[in-house]
Amino acid sequence: MTLEERVADLERRLAALERHRTEEPASPPEPPPAEGDFWALDGLKARLAGFGAERGGVLYTGSVRLPTNERYDWQYGLPTEALLGRADGEDGEDRGDGDWSDASDSLAALGHPVRLRLLREILGGRRTVAELTALDGLGTTGQAYHHLRQLAAAGWLHSTARGRYEVPAGRVVPLLVAVAIARA
């Protein structure tokens, strides 16, 4: 890493720390939406009706600015039939890509507290192996590499340069959605 890259990285991390210190404490969660507040859901229903998806669907979306000032806007949706793999749900015959086993590796990679911590630290701006292995509670350097490899194999991380990791842009919002789901 060049001196300029190191200085830029330190400045970005310092700015994130200063923002975090001056922010107001987190407020309690919002109450459930009142009737008529389901604008995203209403939009999904209208869109699905236009495609003839009578059984509904699932949508997740997000607009995220990380402590590093990187911004990610993302959305993804599927009709219920695509998720369950059934064309009509009447006869019980599997007619689609409803095999959920292909999601097991991706979900399993998130099922370890050290891996979740690594992802959170990387989203927060710690991107190099040296920065990550210096953190308390991550185990040995070998253990940290093991977890990083698991996350990379599942697609939650990729290496941008030797010893430097980031969450791929298309995985930032899904990762935060997975964490939000786990907290719900």
C-alpha atoms as a PDB file:
ATOM      1  CA  MET A   1       0.000   0.000   0.000  1.00  0.00           C
ATOM      2  CA  THR A   2       1.445   3.376  -0.980  1.00  0.00           C
ATOM      3  CA  LEU A   3       1.867   6.229   1.478  1.00  0.00           C
ATOM      4  CA  GLU A   4      -0.930   8.170  -0.235  1.00  0.00           C
ATOM      5  CA  GLU A   5      -3.309   5.204   0.070  1.00  0.00           C
ATOM      6  CA  ARG A   6      -2.432   4.772   3.732  1.00  0.00           C
ATOM      7  CA  VAL A   7      -2.995   8.466   4.488  1.00  0.00           C
ATOM      8  CA  ALA A   8      -6.319   8.457   2.595  1.00  0.00           C
ATOM      9  CA  ASP A   9      -7.398   5.351   4.481  1.00  0.00           C
ATOM     10  CA  LEU A  10      -6.463   6.921   7.843  1.00  0.00           C
ATOM     11  CA  GLU A  11      -8.315  10.130   6.980  1.00  0.00           C
ATOM     12  CA  ARG A  12     -11.424   8.160   5.971  1.00  0.00           C
ATOM     13  CA  ARG A  13     -11.336   6.128   9.192  1.00  0.00           C
ATOM     14  CA  LEU A  14     -10.795   9.230  11.346  1.00  0.00           C
ATOM     15  CA  ALA A  15     -13.722  11.014   9.689  1.00  0.00           C
ATOM     16  CA  ALA A  16     -15.936   7.963  10.309  1.00  0.00           C
ATOM     17  CA  LEU A  17     -14.903   7.881  13.976  1.00  0.00           C
ATOM     18  CA  GLU A  18     -15.560  11.597  14.409  1.00  0.00           C
ATOM     19  CA  ARG A  19     -19.007  11.275  12.790  1.00  0.00           C
ATOM     20  CA  HIS A  20     -19.825   8.334  15.036  1.00  0.00           C
ATOM     21  CA  ARG A  21     -18.779  10.239  18.174  1.00  0.00           C
ATOM     22  CA  THR A  22     -20.923  13.288  17.366  1.00  0.00           C
ATOM     23  CA  GLU A  23     -24.039  11.406  16.280  1.00  0.00           C
ATOM     24  CA  GLU A  24     -27.060  11.347  18.540  1.00  0.00           C
ATOM     25  CA  PRO A  25     -27.711   8.071  20.345  1.00  0.00           C
ATOM     26  CA  ALA A  26     -29.906   5.671  18.417  1.00  0.00           C
ATOM     27  CA  SER A  27     -33.590   6.305  18.902  1.00  0.00           C
ATOM     28  CA  PRO A  28     -35.973   3.484  19.737  1.00  0.00           C
ATOM     29  CA  PRO A  29     -37.428   1.600  16.779  1.00  0.00           C
ATOM     30  CA  GLU A  30     -40.340   3.166  14.961  1.00  0.00           C
ATOM     31  CA  PRO A  31     -43.789   1.768  15.688  1.00  0.00           C
ATOM     32  CA  PRO A  32     -45.315  -0.443  12.995  1.00  0.00           C
ATOM     33  CA  PRO A  33     -46.585   1.534  10.012  1.00  0.00           C
ATOM     34  CA  ALA A  34     -50.120   2.871  10.157  1.00  0.00           C
ATOM     35  CA  GLU A  35     -52.625   1.974   7.489  1.00  0.00           C
ATOM     36  CA  GLY A  36     -51.589   3.608   4.220  1.00  0.00           C
ATOM     37  CA  ASP A  37     -47.904   3.670   5.154  1.00  0.00           C
ATOM     38  CA  PHE A  38     -47.101   0.581   3.094  1.00  0.00           C
ATOM     39  CA  TRP A  39     -45.962   2.526   0.023  1.00  0.00           C
ATOM     40  CA  ALA A  40     -43.272  -0.029  -0.896  1.00  0.00           C
ATOM     41  CA  LEU A  41     -45.649  -2.940  -0.399  1.00  0.00           C
ATOM     42  CA  ASP A  42     -48.383  -1.194  -2.390  1.00  0.00           C
ATOM     43  CA  GLY A  43     -45.895  -0.617  -5.228  1.00  0.00           C
ATOM     44  CA  LEU A  44     -44.834  -4.272  -5.173  1.00  0.00           C
ATOM     45  CA  LYS A  45     -48.457  -5.449  -5.310  1.00  0.00           C
ATOM     46  CA  ALA A  46     -49.194  -3.183  -8.276  1.00  0.00           C
ATOM     47  CA  ARG A  47     -46.102  -4.372 -10.124  1.00  0.00           C
ATOM     48  CA  LEU A  48     -46.842  -8.042  -9.439  1.00  0.00           C
ATOM     49  CA  ALA A  49     -50.447  -7.626 -10.606  1.00  0.00           C
ATOM     50  CA  GLY A  50     -49.091  -6.304 -13.896  1.00  0.00           C
ATOM     51  CA  PHE A  51     -47.092  -9.513 -14.344  1.00  0.00           C
ATOM     52  CA  GLY A  52     -49.945 -11.823 -13.373  1.00  0.00           C
ATOM     53  CA  ALA A  53     -48.243 -12.987 -10.180  1.00  0.00           C
ATOM     54  CA  GLU A  54     -51.414 -13.749  -8.239  1.00  0.00           C
ATOM     55  CA  ARG A  55     -49.582 -15.427  -5.376  1.00  0.00           C
ATOM     56  CA  GLY A  56     -47.588 -12.308  -4.542  1.00  0.00           C
ATOM     57  CA  GLY A  57     -43.876 -11.841  -4.138  1.00  0.00           C
ATOM     58  CA  VAL A  58     -41.008 -10.592  -2.034  1.00  0.00           C
ATOM     59  CA  LEU A  59     -39.042  -7.378  -2.427  1.00  0.00           C
ATOM     60  CA  TYR A  60     -36.111  -6.007  -0.499  1.00  0.00           C
ATOM     61  CA  THR A  61     -34.440  -2.737  -1.128  1.00  0.00           C
ATOM     62  CA  GLY A  62     -32.089  -0.279   0.489  1.00  0.00           C
ATOM     63  CA  SER A  63     -30.271   3.001   0.134  1.00  0.00           C
ATOM     64  CA  VAL A  64     -27.123   2.865   2.250  1.00  0.00           C
ATOM     65  CA  ARG A  65     -24.258   5.217   2.994  1.00  0.00           C
ATOM     66  CA  LEU A  66     -21.459   3.431   4.845  1.00  0.00           C
ATOM     67  CA  PRO A  67     -19.121   5.074   7.380  1.00  0.00           C
ATOM     68  CA  THR A  68     -16.595   5.182   4.507  1.00  0.00           C
ATOM     69  CA  ASN A  69     -19.052   7.446   2.594  1.00  0.00           C
ATOM     70  CA  GLU A  70     -19.616   4.787  -0.066  1.00  0.00           C
ATOM     71  CA  ARG A  71     -23.232   4.753  -1.207  1.00  0.00           C
ATOM     72  CA  TYR A  72     -25.240   1.743  -2.353  1.00  0.00           C
ATOM     73  CA  ASP A  73     -28.767   1.806  -3.813  1.00  0.00           C
ATOM     74  CA  TRP A  74     -30.180  -1.619  -4.481  1.00  0.00           C
ATOM     75  CA  GLN A  75     -33.402  -3.588  -4.868  1.00  0.00           C
ATOM     76  CA  TYR A  76     -34.343  -7.153  -5.674  1.00  0.00           C
ATOM     77  CA  GLY A  77     -37.654  -8.911  -5.923  1.00  0.00           C
ATOM     78  CA  LEU A  78     -39.090 -12.252  -6.936  1.00  0.00           C
ATOM     79  CA  PRO A  79     -42.604 -13.601  -7.329  1.00  0.00           C
ATOM     80  CA  THR A  80     -43.629 -16.233  -4.783  1.00  0.00           C
ATOM     81  CA  GLU A  81     -43.681 -18.940  -7.465  1.00  0.00           C
ATOM     82  CA  ALA A  82     -39.986 -18.384  -8.175  1.00  0.00           C
ATOM     83  CA  LEU A  83     -39.107 -18.640  -4.503  1.00  0.00           C
ATOM     84  CA  LEU A  84     -41.218 -21.703  -3.761  1.00  0.00           C
ATOM     85  CA  GLY A  85     -40.570 -23.327  -7.123  1.00  0.00           C
ATOM     86  CA  ARG A  86     -44.214 -24.034  -7.817  1.00  0.00           C
ATOM     87  CA  ALA A  87     -46.041 -22.942 -10.915  1.00  0.00           C
ATOM     88  CA  ASP A  88     -49.462 -22.927  -9.329  1.00  0.00           C
ATOM     89  CA  GLY A  89     -49.240 -24.422  -5.841  1.00  0.00           C
ATOM     90  CA  GLU A  90     -52.416 -26.435  -6.516  1.00  0.00           C
ATOM     91  CA  ASP A  91     -51.040 -29.890  -7.334  1.00  0.00           C
ATOM     92  CA  GLY A  92     -47.880 -29.679  -5.215  1.00  0.00           C
ATOM     93  CA  GLU A  93     -45.678 -30.537  -8.202  1.00  0.00           C
ATOM     94  CA  ASP A  94     -42.326 -28.770  -8.179  1.00  0.00           C
ATOM     95  CA  ARG A  95     -42.015 -26.823 -11.456  1.00  0.00           C
ATOM     96  CA  GLY A  96     -39.368 -24.245 -10.729  1.00  0.00           C
ATOM     97  CA  ASP A  97     -36.160 -23.365  -8.986  1.00  0.00           C
ATOM     98  CA  GLY A  98     -37.503 -23.921  -5.487  1.00  0.00           C
ATOM     99  CA  ASP A  99     -34.525 -25.917  -4.208  1.00  0.00           C
ATOM    100  CA  TRP A 100     -33.273 -23.824  -1.333  1.00  0.00           C
ATOM    101  CA  SER A 101     -30.157 -25.926  -0.759  1.00  0.00           C
ATOM    102  CA  ASP A 102     -28.203 -23.626  -3.084  1.00  0.00           C
ATOM    103  CA  ALA A 103     -28.599 -20.887  -0.443  1.00  0.00           C
ATOM    104  CA  SER A 104     -27.122 -22.986   2.362  1.00  0.00           C
ATOM    105  CA  ASP A 105     -23.450 -22.091   1.797  1.00  0.00           C
ATOM    106  CA  SER A 106     -24.211 -18.388   1.650  1.00  0.00           C
ATOM    107  CA  LEU A 107     -26.337 -18.514   4.802  1.00  0.00           C
ATOM    108  CA  ALA A 108     -23.879 -20.786   6.606  1.00  0.00           C
ATOM    109  CA  ALA A 109     -21.060 -18.310   5.975  1.00  0.00           C
ATOM    110  CA  LEU A 110     -23.042 -15.720   7.943  1.00  0.00           C
ATOM    111  CA  GLY A 111     -23.634 -18.147  10.807  1.00  0.00           C
ATOM    112  CA  HIS A 112     -20.460 -17.428  12.761  1.00  0.00           C
ATOM    113  CA  PRO A 113     -19.957 -14.429  15.062  1.00  0.00           C
ATOM    114  CA  VAL A 114     -16.368 -13.839  13.901  1.00  0.00           C
ATOM    115  CA  ARG A 115     -17.464 -13.731  10.260  1.00  0.00           C
ATOM    116  CA  LEU A 116     -20.236 -11.271  11.040  1.00  0.00           C
ATOM    117  CA  ARG A 117     -17.732  -9.109  12.909  1.00  0.00           C
ATOM    118  CA  LEU A 118     -15.310  -9.231   9.983  1.00  0.00           C
ATOM    119  CA  LEU A 119     -18.062  -8.127   7.604  1.00  0.00           C
ATOM    120  CA  ARG A 120     -19.113  -5.294   9.914  1.00  0.00           C
ATOM    121  CA  GLU A 121     -15.507  -4.103  10.271  1.00  0.00           C
ATOM    122  CA  ILE A 122     -14.957  -4.252   6.503  1.00  0.00           C
ATOM    123  CA  LEU A 123     -18.136  -2.243   5.858  1.00  0.00           C
ATOM    124  CA  GLY A 124     -16.867   0.221   8.481  1.00  0.00           C
ATOM    125  CA  GLY A 125     -13.605   0.809   6.627  1.00  0.00           C
ATOM    126  CA  ARG A 126     -11.133  -1.749   7.942  1.00  0.00           C
ATOM    127  CA  ARG A 127     -10.202  -3.485   4.720  1.00  0.00           C
ATOM    128  CA  THR A 128      -6.700  -4.941   5.051  1.00  0.00           C
ATOM    129  CA  VAL A 129      -5.788  -8.228   6.659  1.00  0.00           C
ATOM    130  CA  ALA A 130      -3.385  -6.341   8.930  1.00  0.00           C
ATOM    131  CA  GLU A 131      -6.193  -4.092  10.207  1.00  0.00           C
ATOM    132  CA  LEU A 132      -8.563  -7.014  10.675  1.00  0.00           C
ATOM    133  CA  THR A 133      -6.142  -9.352  12.429  1.00  0.00           C
ATOM    134  CA  ALA A 134      -5.165  -6.555  14.833  1.00  0.00           C
ATOM    135  CA  LEU A 135      -8.717  -6.543  16.249  1.00  0.00           C
ATOM    136  CA  ASP A 136      -9.328  -8.270  19.568  1.00  0.00           C
ATOM    137  CA  GLY A 137     -11.433 -11.386  19.658  1.00  0.00           C
ATOM    138  CA  LEU A 138     -10.845 -12.657  16.127  1.00  0.00           C
ATOM    139  CA  GLY A 139      -8.463 -15.442  17.076  1.00  0.00           C
ATOM    140  CA  THR A 140      -5.168 -16.160  15.382  1.00  0.00           C
ATOM    141  CA  THR A 141      -4.132 -14.833  12.000  1.00  0.00           C
ATOM    142  CA  GLY A 142      -4.740 -18.301  10.565  1.00  0.00           C
ATOM    143  CA  GLN A 143      -8.257 -18.363  11.994  1.00  0.00           C
ATOM    144  CA  ALA A 144      -8.977 -14.910  10.551  1.00  0.00           C
ATOM    145  CA  TYR A 145      -7.789 -16.062   7.112  1.00  0.00           C
ATOM    146  CA  HIS A 146     -10.011 -19.138   7.414  1.00  0.00           C
ATOM    147  CA  HIS A 147     -13.058 -16.952   8.074  1.00  0.00           C
ATOM    148  CA  LEU A 148     -12.139 -14.533   5.280  1.00  0.00           C
ATOM    149  CA  ARG A 149     -11.824 -17.461   2.840  1.00  0.00           C
ATOM    150  CA  GLN A 150     -15.226 -18.813   3.928  1.00  0.00           C
ATOM    151  CA  LEU A 151     -16.844 -15.411   3.335  1.00  0.00           C
ATOM    152  CA  ALA A 152     -15.123 -15.015  -0.036  1.00  0.00           C
ATOM    153  CA  ALA A 153     -16.138 -18.527  -1.156  1.00  0.00           C
ATOM    154  CA  ALA A 154     -19.769 -17.716  -0.332  1.00  0.00           C
ATOM    155  CA  GLY A 155     -19.594 -14.422  -2.253  1.00  0.00           C
ATOM    156  CA  TRP A 156     -19.844 -12.099   0.763  1.00  0.00           C
ATOM    157  CA  LEU A 157     -16.298 -10.769   0.202  1.00  0.00           C
ATOM    158  CA  HIS A 158     -13.823 -10.371  -2.590  1.00  0.00           C
ATOM    159  CA  SER A 159     -10.202  -9.381  -2.580  1.00  0.00           C
ATOM    160  CA  THR A 160      -9.510  -6.067  -4.302  1.00  0.00           C
ATOM    161  CA  ALA A 161      -5.747  -6.330  -3.892  1.00  0.00           C
ATOM    162  CA  ARG A 162      -3.332  -8.509  -2.018  1.00  0.00           C
ATOM    163  CA  GLY A 163      -4.559  -8.659   1.570  1.00  0.00           C
ATOM    164  CA  ARG A 164      -7.377  -6.147   1.021  1.00  0.00           C
ATOM    165  CA  TYR A 165     -11.067  -7.118   1.127  1.00  0.00           C
ATOM    166  CA  GLU A 166     -14.432  -5.529   0.452  1.00  0.00           C
ATOM    167  CA  VAL A 167     -18.063  -6.565   0.351  1.00  0.00           C
ATOM    168  CA  PRO A 168     -19.145  -6.638  -3.314  1.00  0.00           C
ATOM    169  CA  ALA A 169     -21.512  -3.776  -4.159  1.00  0.00           C
ATOM    170  CA  GLY A 170     -24.380  -6.150  -4.959  1.00  0.00           C
ATOM    171  CA  ARG A 171     -24.046  -7.795  -1.548  1.00  0.00           C
ATOM    172  CA  VAL A 172     -24.002  -4.722   0.754  1.00  0.00           C
ATOM    173  CA  VAL A 173     -27.781  -4.237   1.015  1.00  0.00           C
ATOM    174  CA  PRO A 174     -28.548  -8.005   1.087  1.00  0.00           C
ATOM    175  CA  LEU A 175     -26.070  -8.391   3.966  1.00  0.00           C
ATOM    176  CA  LEU A 176     -27.735  -5.598   5.917  1.00  0.00           C
ATOM    177  CA  VAL A 177     -31.149  -7.118   5.140  1.00  0.00           C
ATOM    178  CA  ALA A 178     -29.963 -10.490   6.485  1.00  0.00           C
ATOM    179  CA  VAL A 179     -28.805  -8.818   9.709  1.00  0.00           C
ATOM    180  CA  ALA A 180     -32.097  -6.905   9.975  1.00  0.00           C
ATOM    181  CA  ILE A 181     -34.046 -10.153   9.453  1.00  0.00           C
ATOM    182  CA  ALA A 182     -32.061 -11.859  12.191  1.00  0.00           C
ATOM    183  CA  ARG A 183     -32.873  -8.999  14.579  1.00  0.00           C
ATOM    184  CA  ALA A 184     -36.609  -8.905  13.740  1.00  0.00           C
END
